[in-house]
C-alpha cells in the first residue's frame, strides 16, 4: 500500500510540473492533467527501465525527471488519441 501511495504522490507532482511545462496541450482542468501525470509517471518509469536510464526507485532527481518526462509524453499523446477516437 505504501508503494501505491508513493507512486500516486510522485505522479501528482510530475503531472503538475508537466502541466507547467506544456500548458496548452490539454484544455481541461488540473484533475485530468494530474491523473495523466500519474499514468505518465508509470510510463516514464517503464520507459526508463527499457531504455537503460534506470527506474523510479525513490524520491530523487532521476525518478522525478523520468516521471515528468513520462507525464509530458502522455500529455502530448493524449489529445492525438482522443482525436482518433
Protein backbone atom coordinates (compact mmCIF):
# COMPACT_ATOMS: atom_id res chain seq x y z
CA UNK A 1 0.00 0.00 0.00
CA UNK A 2 2.85 2.40 0.76
CA UNK A 3 4.31 1.96 -2.73
CA UNK A 4 0.99 2.77 -4.36
CA UNK A 5 0.64 5.97 -2.34
CA UNK A 6 4.21 6.91 -3.24
CA UNK A 7 3.54 6.35 -6.98
CA UNK A 8 0.40 8.46 -6.82
CA UNK A 9 2.12 11.32 -4.99
CA UNK A 10 5.11 11.34 -7.35
CA UNK A 11 2.70 11.15 -10.29
CA UNK A 12 0.70 14.10 -8.99
CA UNK A 13 3.86 16.15 -8.63
CA UNK A 14 5.04 15.08 -12.10
CA UNK A 15 1.64 15.96 -13.58
CA UNK A 16 1.73 19.42 -12.02
CA UNK A 17 5.24 20.07 -13.37
CA UNK A 18 4.30 18.70 -16.79
CA UNK A 19 1.24 20.98 -16.86
CA UNK A 20 3.55 23.94 -16.23
CA UNK A 21 5.91 22.80 -19.00
CA UNK A 22 3.12 22.08 -21.52
CA UNK A 23 0.20 24.31 -20.50
CA UNK A 24 -1.72 24.41 -23.79
CA UNK A 25 -1.69 20.75 -24.73
CA UNK A 26 -4.79 19.75 -22.77
CA UNK A 27 -7.64 22.19 -22.38
CA UNK A 28 -9.03 20.51 -19.29
CA UNK A 29 -8.64 21.23 -15.62
CA UNK A 30 -5.99 20.17 -13.19
CA UNK A 31 -7.64 16.91 -12.11
CA UNK A 32 -7.47 15.18 -15.54
CA UNK A 33 -3.96 16.52 -16.02
CA UNK A 34 -2.87 15.14 -12.65
CA UNK A 35 -4.41 11.77 -13.48
CA UNK A 36 -2.45 11.79 -16.73
CA UNK A 37 0.59 12.68 -14.62
CA UNK A 38 0.16 9.53 -12.55
CA UNK A 39 -0.13 7.45 -15.72
CA UNK A 40 2.86 9.30 -17.18
CA UNK A 41 4.89 8.57 -14.08
CA UNK A 42 4.27 4.86 -14.55
CA UNK A 43 5.07 5.11 -18.28
CA UNK A 44 8.23 7.12 -17.56
CA UNK A 45 9.43 4.51 -15.10
CA UNK A 46 8.75 1.72 -17.59
CA UNK A 47 10.49 3.53 -20.46
CA UNK A 48 13.42 4.39 -18.21
CA UNK A 49 13.90 0.71 -17.43
CA UNK A 50 13.57 -0.35 -21.07
CA UNK A 51 15.97 2.32 -22.35
CA UNK A 52 18.50 1.74 -19.57
CA UNK A 53 18.13 5.06 -17.73
CA UNK A 54 17.11 3.33 -14.53
CA UNK A 55 13.72 3.24 -12.94
CA UNK A 56 11.66 5.20 -10.47
CA UNK A 57 13.21 3.98 -7.23
CA UNK A 58 12.68 6.76 -4.74
CA UNK A 59 12.22 10.46 -4.47
CA UNK A 60 15.35 11.66 -6.24
CA UNK A 61 16.18 13.77 -9.28
CA UNK A 62 16.31 10.84 -11.71
CA UNK A 63 12.94 9.47 -10.59
CA UNK A 64 11.34 12.90 -10.81
CA UNK A 65 12.86 13.51 -14.27
CA UNK A 66 11.60 10.15 -15.55
CA UNK A 67 8.15 10.83 -14.11
CA UNK A 68 7.94 14.33 -15.59
CA UNK A 69 9.21 13.06 -18.96
CA UNK A 70 6.59 10.33 -19.00
CA UNK A 71 3.88 12.78 -17.96
CA UNK A 72 4.89 15.20 -20.75
CA UNK A 73 4.80 12.32 -23.22
CA UNK A 74 1.31 11.30 -22.09
CA UNK A 75 0.06 14.91 -22.11
CA UNK A 76 1.42 15.24 -25.67
CA UNK A 77 -0.03 11.94 -26.96
CA UNK A 78 -3.41 12.04 -25.18
CA UNK A 79 -5.08 14.68 -27.43
CA UNK A 80 -3.94 12.78 -30.54
CA UNK A 81 -5.54 9.61 -29.24
CA UNK A 82 -8.77 11.43 -28.42
CA UNK A 83 -8.94 12.88 -31.97
CA UNK A 84 -8.50 9.41 -33.48
CA UNK A 85 -11.33 8.11 -31.35
